[in-house]
Amino acid sequence: MRLPSPPRIPVLSREDKEARLKVFIAEALAARAASVDGSFGEPFTLVARAPDSPAAQAVLAMANEIAAANVAVRVVLFETEPLTDDNAPASLLDVSAIDTRMLTDLRFASAHEQLVLGQGRVWIGDCMRRDPAKRDAFEMYHDNHASTASHAAASFAKLWDKSVSLTRMVATNVAADVILAGHAAPDNADITTRR
């Protein structure tokens, strides 16, 4: 008798996760642009473990497109320090247009990462106590699933209320595309940034 093999867990690299999330965000922006009824007015919301989580990096990579679509972004982070030792040139914390808060209560470590892009578009990832860079991390994509988006939006609202504002000083005269491109700011720019 042959035993059935266990179901295979899809294995994705960190770069693959970020690429899939960027496509997911781009599709949400395209749907918003095609909307004529104005029902896409809500902000994009993200709950992530750290600023270098794949979902946070995908939002950062799409920041210019999101800003061009006039979409507000709200982020709740569980940690403000990067999880990896890689020296990333930029972080969500460097973009002043992104409203960021931090969860300080360790009981929220079992909450799942989530990205809500309005009108039924939701990504749900592993819980925040697990390293999001793991190749076998849990993730689900929901497209056109209003009840999931409603539950995720309610969850985000509760986490937002329980989180605290971050004290950040980001130079207002440094454009987001300069930060995202990793270019040095002009010599006369005030670049006092505190994360």
N, C-alpha and C. Protein backbone atom coordinates (compact mmCIF):
# COMPACT_ATOMS: atom_id res chain seq x y z
N MET A 1 0.84 -1.18 0.00
CA MET A 1 0.00 0.00 0.00
C MET A 1 0.89 1.24 0.00
N ARG A 2 0.51 2.17 -0.79
CA ARG A 2 1.30 3.41 -0.92
C ARG A 2 0.60 4.53 -0.18
N LEU A 3 1.35 5.23 0.67
CA LEU A 3 0.79 6.35 1.42
C LEU A 3 0.80 7.60 0.56
N PRO A 4 -0.25 8.40 0.66
CA PRO A 4 -0.26 9.64 -0.12
C PRO A 4 0.82 10.60 0.38
N SER A 5 1.41 11.32 -0.54
CA SER A 5 2.43 12.29 -0.14
C SER A 5 1.77 13.51 0.45
N PRO A 6 2.44 14.17 1.40
CA PRO A 6 1.85 15.37 1.99
C PRO A 6 1.76 16.48 0.95
N PRO A 7 0.83 17.40 1.14
CA PRO A 7 0.71 18.51 0.18
C PRO A 7 2.00 19.33 0.16
N ARG A 8 2.33 19.81 -1.00
CA ARG A 8 3.56 20.60 -1.15
C ARG A 8 3.29 22.05 -0.77
N ILE A 9 4.19 22.59 0.00
CA ILE A 9 4.12 24.00 0.36
C ILE A 9 4.89 24.78 -0.70
N PRO A 10 4.26 25.76 -1.33
CA PRO A 10 5.00 26.52 -2.34
C PRO A 10 6.18 27.23 -1.70
N VAL A 11 7.33 27.12 -2.34
CA VAL A 11 8.55 27.72 -1.81
C VAL A 11 8.92 28.89 -2.70
N LEU A 12 8.96 30.07 -2.11
CA LEU A 12 9.29 31.28 -2.85
C LEU A 12 10.44 32.00 -2.18
N SER A 13 11.31 32.57 -2.98
CA SER A 13 12.37 33.39 -2.42
C SER A 13 11.81 34.75 -2.02
N ARG A 14 12.57 35.47 -1.26
CA ARG A 14 12.17 36.82 -0.84
C ARG A 14 11.91 37.71 -2.05
N GLU A 15 12.76 37.61 -3.05
CA GLU A 15 12.62 38.43 -4.25
C GLU A 15 11.33 38.08 -5.01
N ASP A 16 11.01 36.77 -5.05
CA ASP A 16 9.77 36.35 -5.71
C ASP A 16 8.55 36.90 -4.98
N LYS A 17 8.60 36.88 -3.65
CA LYS A 17 7.47 37.41 -2.87
C LYS A 17 7.27 38.89 -3.16
N GLU A 18 8.38 39.64 -3.14
CA GLU A 18 8.29 41.07 -3.41
C GLU A 18 7.77 41.33 -4.82
N ALA A 19 8.24 40.55 -5.80
CA ALA A 19 7.79 40.74 -7.17
C ALA A 19 6.29 40.45 -7.31
N ARG A 20 5.81 39.39 -6.68
CA ARG A 20 4.38 39.08 -6.74
C ARG A 20 3.55 40.17 -6.06
N LEU A 21 4.05 40.70 -4.95
CA LEU A 21 3.33 41.75 -4.25
C LEU A 21 3.31 43.05 -5.07
N LYS A 22 4.38 43.35 -5.77
CA LYS A 22 4.41 44.54 -6.62
C LYS A 22 3.39 44.42 -7.75
N VAL A 23 3.27 43.24 -8.33
CA VAL A 23 2.26 43.01 -9.37
C VAL A 23 0.86 43.18 -8.78
N PHE A 24 0.65 42.65 -7.59
CA PHE A 24 -0.64 42.76 -6.90
C PHE A 24 -1.00 44.23 -6.66
N ILE A 25 -0.03 45.02 -6.24
CA ILE A 25 -0.25 46.45 -6.02
C ILE A 25 -0.53 47.16 -7.35
N ALA A 26 0.24 46.84 -8.38
CA ALA A 26 0.04 47.45 -9.69
C ALA A 26 -1.36 47.15 -10.23
N GLU A 27 -1.84 45.92 -10.03
CA GLU A 27 -3.19 45.57 -10.46
C GLU A 27 -4.24 46.37 -9.69
N ALA A 28 -4.01 46.58 -8.40
CA ALA A 28 -4.94 47.39 -7.60
C ALA A 28 -4.97 48.83 -8.09
N LEU A 29 -3.80 49.38 -8.44
CA LEU A 29 -3.74 50.75 -8.95
C LEU A 29 -4.45 50.86 -10.29
N ALA A 30 -4.30 49.84 -11.14
CA ALA A 30 -4.97 49.84 -12.44
C ALA A 30 -6.48 49.76 -12.26
N ALA A 31 -6.95 48.94 -11.32
CA ALA A 31 -8.39 48.84 -11.05
C ALA A 31 -8.93 50.15 -10.51
N ARG A 32 -8.15 50.81 -9.67
CA ARG A 32 -8.57 52.10 -9.12
C ARG A 32 -8.66 53.14 -10.23
N ALA A 33 -7.70 53.14 -11.14
CA ALA A 33 -7.71 54.11 -12.25
C ALA A 33 -8.89 53.87 -13.18
N ALA A 34 -9.30 52.60 -13.34
CA ALA A 34 -10.41 52.27 -14.23
C ALA A 34 -11.77 52.49 -13.57
N SER A 35 -11.79 52.73 -12.27
CA SER A 35 -13.05 52.91 -11.55
C SER A 35 -13.67 54.26 -11.89
N VAL A 36 -14.97 54.24 -12.14
CA VAL A 36 -15.67 55.49 -12.44
C VAL A 36 -16.63 55.88 -11.32
N ASP A 37 -16.86 54.98 -10.38
CA ASP A 37 -17.85 55.28 -9.34
C ASP A 37 -17.24 55.89 -8.08
N GLY A 38 -15.92 56.04 -8.05
CA GLY A 38 -15.29 56.67 -6.90
C GLY A 38 -15.27 55.82 -5.65
N SER A 39 -15.48 54.52 -5.78
CA SER A 39 -15.54 53.66 -4.59
C SER A 39 -14.17 53.23 -4.11
N PHE A 40 -13.13 53.71 -4.76
CA PHE A 40 -11.79 53.31 -4.38
C PHE A 40 -11.07 54.41 -3.60
N GLY A 41 -11.77 55.12 -2.76
CA GLY A 41 -11.17 56.24 -2.06
C GLY A 41 -10.38 55.89 -0.82
N GLU A 42 -10.51 54.68 -0.31
CA GLU A 42 -9.84 54.33 0.94
C GLU A 42 -8.33 54.16 0.74
N PRO A 43 -7.57 54.37 1.81
CA PRO A 43 -6.11 54.24 1.69
C PRO A 43 -5.67 52.78 1.60
N PHE A 44 -4.45 52.58 1.14
CA PHE A 44 -3.83 51.26 1.22
C PHE A 44 -3.32 51.12 2.65
N THR A 45 -3.50 49.94 3.23
CA THR A 45 -3.02 49.72 4.60
C THR A 45 -2.13 48.49 4.62
N LEU A 46 -1.12 48.56 5.49
CA LEU A 46 -0.15 47.48 5.61
C LEU A 46 0.15 47.23 7.08
N VAL A 47 0.12 45.97 7.46
CA VAL A 47 0.62 45.54 8.77
C VAL A 47 1.81 44.66 8.46
N ALA A 48 2.99 45.02 8.95
CA ALA A 48 4.20 44.26 8.66
C ALA A 48 5.05 44.14 9.90
N ARG A 49 5.87 43.12 9.92
CA ARG A 49 6.74 42.91 11.08
C ARG A 49 7.81 43.98 11.16
N ALA A 50 8.45 44.27 10.02
CA ALA A 50 9.58 45.21 10.02
C ALA A 50 9.62 45.94 8.68
N PRO A 51 10.39 47.04 8.61
CA PRO A 51 10.45 47.80 7.35
C PRO A 51 11.09 47.04 6.19
N ASP A 52 11.79 45.94 6.47
CA ASP A 52 12.36 45.18 5.38
C ASP A 52 11.62 43.88 5.11
N SER A 53 10.40 43.75 5.65
CA SER A 53 9.55 42.63 5.29
C SER A 53 9.24 42.72 3.79
N PRO A 54 9.03 41.58 3.12
CA PRO A 54 8.75 41.64 1.68
C PRO A 54 7.57 42.55 1.32
N ALA A 55 6.51 42.54 2.10
CA ALA A 55 5.36 43.40 1.80
C ALA A 55 5.73 44.87 1.94
N ALA A 56 6.49 45.21 2.96
CA ALA A 56 6.92 46.59 3.16
C ALA A 56 7.84 47.03 2.03
N GLN A 57 8.72 46.17 1.59
CA GLN A 57 9.63 46.51 0.49
C GLN A 57 8.86 46.67 -0.82
N ALA A 58 7.82 45.87 -1.02
CA ALA A 58 7.00 46.01 -2.23
C ALA A 58 6.27 47.35 -2.24
N VAL A 59 5.71 47.75 -1.10
CA VAL A 59 5.04 49.05 -1.01
C VAL A 59 6.05 50.17 -1.25
N LEU A 60 7.24 50.04 -0.69
CA LEU A 60 8.28 51.04 -0.90
C LEU A 60 8.66 51.14 -2.37
N ALA A 61 8.80 50.00 -3.04
CA ALA A 61 9.17 49.99 -4.45
C ALA A 61 8.09 50.62 -5.32
N MET A 62 6.85 50.55 -4.90
CA MET A 62 5.73 51.10 -5.66
C MET A 62 5.30 52.48 -5.15
N ALA A 63 6.06 53.08 -4.27
CA ALA A 63 5.67 54.34 -3.62
C ALA A 63 5.38 55.45 -4.62
N ASN A 64 6.19 55.57 -5.66
CA ASN A 64 5.96 56.64 -6.64
C ASN A 64 4.65 56.44 -7.39
N GLU A 65 4.36 55.19 -7.78
CA GLU A 65 3.12 54.89 -8.50
C GLU A 65 1.92 55.11 -7.59
N ILE A 66 2.05 54.73 -6.32
CA ILE A 66 0.97 54.93 -5.36
C ILE A 66 0.70 56.42 -5.16
N ALA A 67 1.78 57.19 -5.01
CA ALA A 67 1.65 58.63 -4.83
C ALA A 67 1.05 59.29 -6.07
N ALA A 68 1.45 58.82 -7.26
CA ALA A 68 0.91 59.38 -8.50
C ALA A 68 -0.59 59.11 -8.63
N ALA A 69 -1.05 58.02 -8.04
CA ALA A 69 -2.48 57.69 -8.07
C ALA A 69 -3.24 58.40 -6.95
N ASN A 70 -2.54 59.21 -6.17
CA ASN A 70 -3.13 59.98 -5.07
C ASN A 70 -3.78 59.06 -4.03
N VAL A 71 -3.06 58.00 -3.67
CA VAL A 71 -3.54 57.04 -2.68
C VAL A 71 -2.73 57.22 -1.40
N ALA A 72 -3.43 57.37 -0.30
CA ALA A 72 -2.75 57.46 1.00
C ALA A 72 -2.32 56.06 1.44
N VAL A 73 -1.25 55.99 2.21
CA VAL A 73 -0.74 54.72 2.71
C VAL A 73 -0.57 54.82 4.22
N ARG A 74 -1.13 53.85 4.92
CA ARG A 74 -0.97 53.75 6.37
C ARG A 74 -0.30 52.43 6.68
N VAL A 75 0.71 52.48 7.56
CA VAL A 75 1.49 51.29 7.88
C VAL A 75 1.59 51.13 9.38
N VAL A 76 1.40 49.90 9.85
CA VAL A 76 1.64 49.54 11.24
C VAL A 76 2.79 48.54 11.25
N LEU A 77 3.87 48.87 11.93
CA LEU A 77 5.02 47.98 12.05
C LEU A 77 5.10 47.40 13.44
N PHE A 78 5.58 46.17 13.53
CA PHE A 78 5.80 45.53 14.83
C PHE A 78 7.19 45.85 15.34
N GLU A 79 8.14 46.03 14.44
CA GLU A 79 9.52 46.41 14.78
C GLU A 79 9.96 47.49 13.80
N THR A 80 10.81 48.40 14.25
CA THR A 80 11.30 49.43 13.34
C THR A 80 12.71 49.14 12.84
N GLU A 81 13.38 48.20 13.46
CA GLU A 81 14.72 47.83 13.01
C GLU A 81 14.61 46.74 11.95
N PRO A 82 15.47 46.78 10.93
CA PRO A 82 15.44 45.74 9.90
C PRO A 82 15.74 44.36 10.49
N LEU A 83 15.16 43.34 9.87
CA LEU A 83 15.38 41.97 10.33
C LEU A 83 16.68 41.39 9.79
N THR A 84 17.13 41.90 8.65
CA THR A 84 18.35 41.39 8.04
C THR A 84 19.47 42.39 8.22
N ASP A 85 20.67 41.91 7.99
CA ASP A 85 21.84 42.79 8.09
C ASP A 85 22.15 43.48 6.78
N ASP A 86 21.34 43.20 5.76
CA ASP A 86 21.55 43.85 4.47
C ASP A 86 21.34 45.36 4.63
N ASN A 87 22.21 46.12 4.04
CA ASN A 87 22.10 47.57 4.11
C ASN A 87 21.20 48.06 2.99
N ALA A 88 19.92 48.12 3.26
CA ALA A 88 18.97 48.62 2.27
C ALA A 88 19.14 50.12 2.13
N PRO A 89 19.11 50.63 0.90
CA PRO A 89 19.31 52.07 0.71
C PRO A 89 18.14 52.90 1.20
N ALA A 90 16.96 52.30 1.34
CA ALA A 90 15.78 53.06 1.75
C ALA A 90 14.85 52.17 2.55
N SER A 91 13.93 52.83 3.23
CA SER A 91 12.96 52.13 4.07
C SER A 91 11.65 52.91 4.01
N LEU A 92 10.56 52.25 4.37
CA LEU A 92 9.28 52.95 4.49
C LEU A 92 9.38 54.13 5.46
N LEU A 93 10.26 53.98 6.44
CA LEU A 93 10.42 55.03 7.44
C LEU A 93 11.05 56.29 6.86
N ASP A 94 11.63 56.19 5.67
CA ASP A 94 12.26 57.35 5.03
C ASP A 94 11.29 58.16 4.18
N VAL A 95 10.10 57.64 3.93
CA VAL A 95 9.13 58.33 3.06
C VAL A 95 8.10 59.01 3.95
N SER A 96 8.17 60.33 4.01
CA SER A 96 7.30 61.08 4.92
C SER A 96 5.83 61.02 4.52
N ALA A 97 5.53 60.72 3.26
CA ALA A 97 4.14 60.65 2.82
C ALA A 97 3.44 59.40 3.32
N ILE A 98 4.18 58.43 3.82
CA ILE A 98 3.60 57.20 4.34
C ILE A 98 3.43 57.36 5.84
N ASP A 99 2.19 57.27 6.30
CA ASP A 99 1.87 57.42 7.72
C ASP A 99 2.17 56.10 8.43
N THR A 100 3.15 56.12 9.32
CA THR A 100 3.64 54.89 9.94
C THR A 100 3.49 54.96 11.46
N ARG A 101 3.02 53.85 12.01
CA ARG A 101 2.93 53.69 13.45
C ARG A 101 3.57 52.38 13.86
N MET A 102 3.76 52.21 15.18
CA MET A 102 4.41 51.00 15.69
C MET A 102 3.58 50.37 16.80
N LEU A 103 3.49 49.04 16.74
CA LEU A 103 2.85 48.28 17.82
C LEU A 103 3.89 48.03 18.90
N THR A 104 3.59 48.42 20.11
CA THR A 104 4.55 48.22 21.19
C THR A 104 4.17 47.06 22.11
N ASP A 105 2.98 46.54 21.95
CA ASP A 105 2.50 45.45 22.80
C ASP A 105 2.91 44.11 22.18
N LEU A 106 3.72 43.34 22.88
CA LEU A 106 4.22 42.07 22.37
C LEU A 106 3.13 41.03 22.14
N ARG A 107 1.96 41.24 22.69
CA ARG A 107 0.86 40.30 22.47
C ARG A 107 0.40 40.28 21.02
N PHE A 108 0.77 41.29 20.26
CA PHE A 108 0.36 41.34 18.85
C PHE A 108 1.30 40.54 17.94
N ALA A 109 2.27 39.85 18.50
CA ALA A 109 3.20 39.07 17.69
C ALA A 109 2.51 37.94 16.93
N SER A 110 1.35 37.53 17.39
CA SER A 110 0.64 36.45 16.69
C SER A 110 -0.26 36.98 15.57
N ALA A 111 -0.35 38.29 15.41
CA ALA A 111 -1.13 38.85 14.31
C ALA A 111 -0.42 38.55 12.99
N HIS A 112 -1.19 38.46 11.93
CA HIS A 112 -0.61 38.18 10.61
C HIS A 112 -0.30 39.48 9.89
N GLU A 113 0.74 39.44 9.07
CA GLU A 113 1.00 40.56 8.19
C GLU A 113 -0.15 40.64 7.20
N GLN A 114 -0.49 41.86 6.79
CA GLN A 114 -1.58 42.00 5.81
C GLN A 114 -1.40 43.29 5.02
N LEU A 115 -1.84 43.23 3.79
CA LEU A 115 -1.83 44.38 2.89
C LEU A 115 -3.23 44.47 2.30
N VAL A 116 -3.93 45.57 2.58
CA VAL A 116 -5.29 45.78 2.08
C VAL A 116 -5.25 46.90 1.06
N LEU A 117 -5.68 46.59 -0.16
CA LEU A 117 -5.61 47.54 -1.25
C LEU A 117 -6.99 48.00 -1.72
N GLY A 118 -7.98 47.83 -0.87
CA GLY A 118 -9.32 48.29 -1.17
C GLY A 118 -10.09 47.35 -2.08
N GLN A 119 -11.42 47.43 -2.00
CA GLN A 119 -12.34 46.70 -2.87
C GLN A 119 -12.00 45.23 -3.04
N GLY A 120 -11.77 44.56 -1.94
CA GLY A 120 -11.61 43.11 -1.96
C GLY A 120 -10.23 42.60 -2.27
N ARG A 121 -9.24 43.47 -2.38
CA ARG A 121 -7.87 43.04 -2.68
C ARG A 121 -7.07 43.01 -1.39
N VAL A 122 -6.75 41.79 -0.96
CA VAL A 122 -6.05 41.61 0.32
C VAL A 122 -4.97 40.55 0.17
N TRP A 123 -3.81 40.83 0.72
CA TRP A 123 -2.75 39.84 0.87
C TRP A 123 -2.58 39.61 2.37
N ILE A 124 -2.50 38.33 2.75
CA ILE A 124 -2.27 37.97 4.15
C ILE A 124 -1.03 37.10 4.19
N GLY A 125 -0.11 37.45 5.07
CA GLY A 125 1.15 36.72 5.19
C GLY A 125 1.29 36.07 6.55
N ASP A 126 2.46 35.53 6.80
CA ASP A 126 2.75 34.85 8.05
C ASP A 126 2.57 35.77 9.25
N CYS A 127 2.51 35.17 10.43
CA CYS A 127 2.38 35.98 11.64
C CYS A 127 3.68 36.73 11.90
N MET A 128 3.60 37.79 12.67
CA MET A 128 4.73 38.69 12.85
C MET A 128 5.84 38.12 13.72
N ARG A 129 5.58 37.02 14.42
CA ARG A 129 6.66 36.44 15.21
C ARG A 129 7.55 35.52 14.37
N ARG A 130 7.15 35.29 13.13
CA ARG A 130 7.91 34.41 12.24
C ARG A 130 8.67 35.25 11.23
N ASP A 131 9.85 34.85 10.90
CA ASP A 131 10.69 35.58 9.96
C ASP A 131 10.04 35.61 8.58
N PRO A 132 9.69 36.78 8.05
CA PRO A 132 9.02 36.85 6.74
C PRO A 132 9.93 36.49 5.58
N ALA A 133 11.22 36.37 5.82
CA ALA A 133 12.14 36.02 4.75
C ALA A 133 12.23 34.51 4.54
N LYS A 134 11.57 33.72 5.39
CA LYS A 134 11.57 32.27 5.23
C LYS A 134 10.95 31.91 3.88
N ARG A 135 11.52 30.93 3.24
CA ARG A 135 11.07 30.55 1.90
C ARG A 135 9.72 29.84 1.92
N ASP A 136 9.34 29.24 3.05
CA ASP A 136 8.08 28.52 3.10
C ASP A 136 7.00 29.28 3.86
N ALA A 137 7.16 30.59 3.91
CA ALA A 137 6.22 31.42 4.66
C ALA A 137 4.82 31.35 4.06
N PHE A 138 3.83 31.41 4.92
CA PHE A 138 2.42 31.39 4.52
C PHE A 138 2.06 32.71 3.86
N GLU A 139 1.29 32.64 2.79
CA GLU A 139 0.73 33.86 2.20
C GLU A 139 -0.50 33.48 1.38
N MET A 140 -1.47 34.39 1.39
CA MET A 140 -2.71 34.22 0.63
C MET A 140 -3.03 35.52 -0.10
N TYR A 141 -3.48 35.38 -1.32
CA TYR A 141 -3.92 36.53 -2.11
C TYR A 141 -5.43 36.43 -2.29
N HIS A 142 -6.13 37.50 -2.02
CA HIS A 142 -7.57 37.57 -2.24
C HIS A 142 -7.85 38.71 -3.20
N ASP A 143 -8.51 38.39 -4.28
CA ASP A 143 -8.89 39.40 -5.25
C ASP A 143 -10.40 39.37 -5.40
N ASN A 144 -11.02 40.52 -5.24
CA ASN A 144 -12.47 40.64 -5.36
C ASN A 144 -13.18 39.81 -4.30
N HIS A 145 -12.72 39.93 -3.06
CA HIS A 145 -13.32 39.19 -1.95
C HIS A 145 -13.65 40.22 -0.86
N ALA A 146 -14.84 40.82 -0.98
CA ALA A 146 -15.22 41.95 -0.13
C ALA A 146 -15.26 41.61 1.35
N SER A 147 -15.73 40.42 1.72
CA SER A 147 -15.82 40.10 3.15
C SER A 147 -14.45 39.97 3.78
N THR A 148 -13.48 39.40 3.06
CA THR A 148 -12.11 39.32 3.58
C THR A 148 -11.53 40.72 3.74
N ALA A 149 -11.76 41.58 2.76
CA ALA A 149 -11.26 42.95 2.84
C ALA A 149 -11.89 43.69 4.00
N SER A 150 -13.17 43.45 4.24
CA SER A 150 -13.86 44.11 5.35
C SER A 150 -13.28 43.67 6.69
N HIS A 151 -13.04 42.37 6.85
CA HIS A 151 -12.44 41.87 8.09
C HIS A 151 -11.02 42.39 8.27
N ALA A 152 -10.26 42.42 7.18
CA ALA A 152 -8.88 42.91 7.25
C ALA A 152 -8.85 44.40 7.58
N ALA A 153 -9.78 45.17 7.02
CA ALA A 153 -9.84 46.61 7.32
C ALA A 153 -10.20 46.85 8.78
N ALA A 154 -11.12 46.05 9.31
CA ALA A 154 -11.49 46.17 10.73
C ALA A 154 -10.31 45.80 11.62
N SER A 155 -9.60 44.76 11.25
CA SER A 155 -8.42 44.35 12.00
C SER A 155 -7.36 45.44 11.99
N PHE A 156 -7.12 46.04 10.80
CA PHE A 156 -6.14 47.11 10.70
C PHE A 156 -6.55 48.29 11.58
N ALA A 157 -7.83 48.66 11.56
CA ALA A 157 -8.29 49.80 12.35
C ALA A 157 -8.02 49.58 13.84
N LYS A 158 -8.23 48.37 14.32
CA LYS A 158 -7.97 48.07 15.73
C LYS A 158 -6.48 48.13 16.03
N LEU A 159 -5.65 47.59 15.14
CA LEU A 159 -4.20 47.65 15.33
C LEU A 159 -3.70 49.10 15.26
N TRP A 160 -4.27 49.88 14.36
CA TRP A 160 -3.90 51.30 14.22
C TRP A 160 -4.19 52.05 15.52
N ASP A 161 -5.35 51.78 16.10
CA ASP A 161 -5.72 52.44 17.35
C ASP A 161 -4.81 52.04 18.51
N LYS A 162 -4.30 50.81 18.49
CA LYS A 162 -3.43 50.32 19.57
C LYS A 162 -1.96 50.69 19.36
N SER A 163 -1.63 51.21 18.20
CA SER A 163 -0.24 51.53 17.90
C SER A 163 0.08 52.98 18.28
N VAL A 164 1.37 53.29 18.29
CA VAL A 164 1.82 54.64 18.66
C VAL A 164 2.51 55.28 17.46
N SER A 165 2.39 56.58 17.37
CA SER A 165 3.05 57.32 16.28
C SER A 165 4.56 57.27 16.46
N LEU A 166 5.25 57.25 15.35
CA LEU A 166 6.71 57.27 15.37
C LEU A 166 7.20 58.69 15.23
N THR A 167 8.24 59.02 15.93
CA THR A 167 8.87 60.32 15.79
C THR A 167 9.90 60.20 14.69
N ARG A 168 9.59 60.82 13.56
CA ARG A 168 10.50 60.76 12.42
C ARG A 168 10.78 62.17 11.95
N MET A 169 12.01 62.39 11.55
CA MET A 169 12.37 63.65 10.92
C MET A 169 12.95 63.30 9.56
N VAL A 170 12.18 63.55 8.53
CA VAL A 170 12.62 63.29 7.17
C VAL A 170 12.65 64.61 6.44
N ALA A 171 13.72 64.86 5.73
CA ALA A 171 13.86 66.12 5.02
C ALA A 171 12.73 66.27 4.01
N THR A 172 12.04 67.41 4.07
CA THR A 172 10.91 67.62 3.17
C THR A 172 11.37 67.98 1.77
N ASN A 173 12.60 68.45 1.63
CA ASN A 173 13.05 68.83 0.31
C ASN A 173 13.78 67.70 -0.41
N VAL A 174 13.72 66.47 0.12
CA VAL A 174 14.27 65.31 -0.57
C VAL A 174 13.09 64.54 -1.13
N ALA A 175 13.00 64.46 -2.44
CA ALA A 175 11.87 63.80 -3.09
C ALA A 175 11.90 62.30 -2.83
N ALA A 176 10.72 61.69 -2.84
CA ALA A 176 10.62 60.25 -2.60
C ALA A 176 11.39 59.46 -3.65
N ASP A 177 11.39 59.93 -4.91
CA ASP A 177 12.10 59.18 -5.94
C ASP A 177 13.61 59.22 -5.73
N VAL A 178 14.13 60.29 -5.12
CA VAL A 178 15.55 60.36 -4.80
C VAL A 178 15.87 59.34 -3.71
N ILE A 179 15.01 59.26 -2.69
CA ILE A 179 15.22 58.30 -1.62
C ILE A 179 15.13 56.89 -2.16
N LEU A 180 14.11 56.64 -2.99
CA LEU A 180 13.91 55.29 -3.53
C LEU A 180 15.03 54.87 -4.47
N ALA A 181 15.57 55.81 -5.21
CA ALA A 181 16.64 55.47 -6.14
C ALA A 181 17.96 55.27 -5.41
N GLY A 182 18.04 55.67 -4.16
CA GLY A 182 19.26 55.48 -3.39
C GLY A 182 20.32 56.52 -3.72
N HIS A 183 19.91 57.60 -4.37
CA HIS A 183 20.86 58.65 -4.70
C HIS A 183 21.14 59.49 -3.48
N ALA A 184 22.29 60.08 -3.46
CA ALA A 184 22.62 61.00 -2.37
C ALA A 184 21.83 62.28 -2.56
N ALA A 185 21.47 62.88 -1.47
CA ALA A 185 20.74 64.14 -1.53
C ALA A 185 21.70 65.25 -1.94
N PRO A 186 21.17 66.32 -2.50
CA PRO A 186 22.03 67.45 -2.85
C PRO A 186 22.75 67.99 -1.63
N ASP A 187 23.90 68.64 -1.86
CA ASP A 187 24.72 69.13 -0.75
C ASP A 187 23.99 70.13 0.13
N ASN A 188 23.08 70.90 -0.43
CA ASN A 188 22.38 71.92 0.35
C ASN A 188 21.12 71.39 1.01
N ALA A 189 20.84 70.09 0.90
CA ALA A 189 19.62 69.52 1.47
C ALA A 189 19.80 69.25 2.96
N ASP A 190 18.73 69.46 3.69
CA ASP A 190 18.72 69.12 5.11
C ASP A 190 18.33 67.64 5.20
N ILE A 191 19.28 66.79 5.50
CA ILE A 191 19.01 65.34 5.47
C ILE A 191 18.98 64.73 6.86
N THR A 192 18.61 65.49 7.84
CA THR A 192 18.50 64.93 9.18
C THR A 192 17.33 63.96 9.20
N THR A 193 17.65 62.72 9.26
CA THR A 193 16.63 61.67 9.28
C THR A 193 16.84 60.82 10.51
N ARG A 194 15.82 60.68 11.29
CA ARG A 194 15.90 59.82 12.45
C ARG A 194 14.82 58.77 12.33
N ARG A 195 15.21 57.52 12.46
CA ARG A 195 14.24 56.45 12.34
C ARG A 195 13.85 55.98 13.71
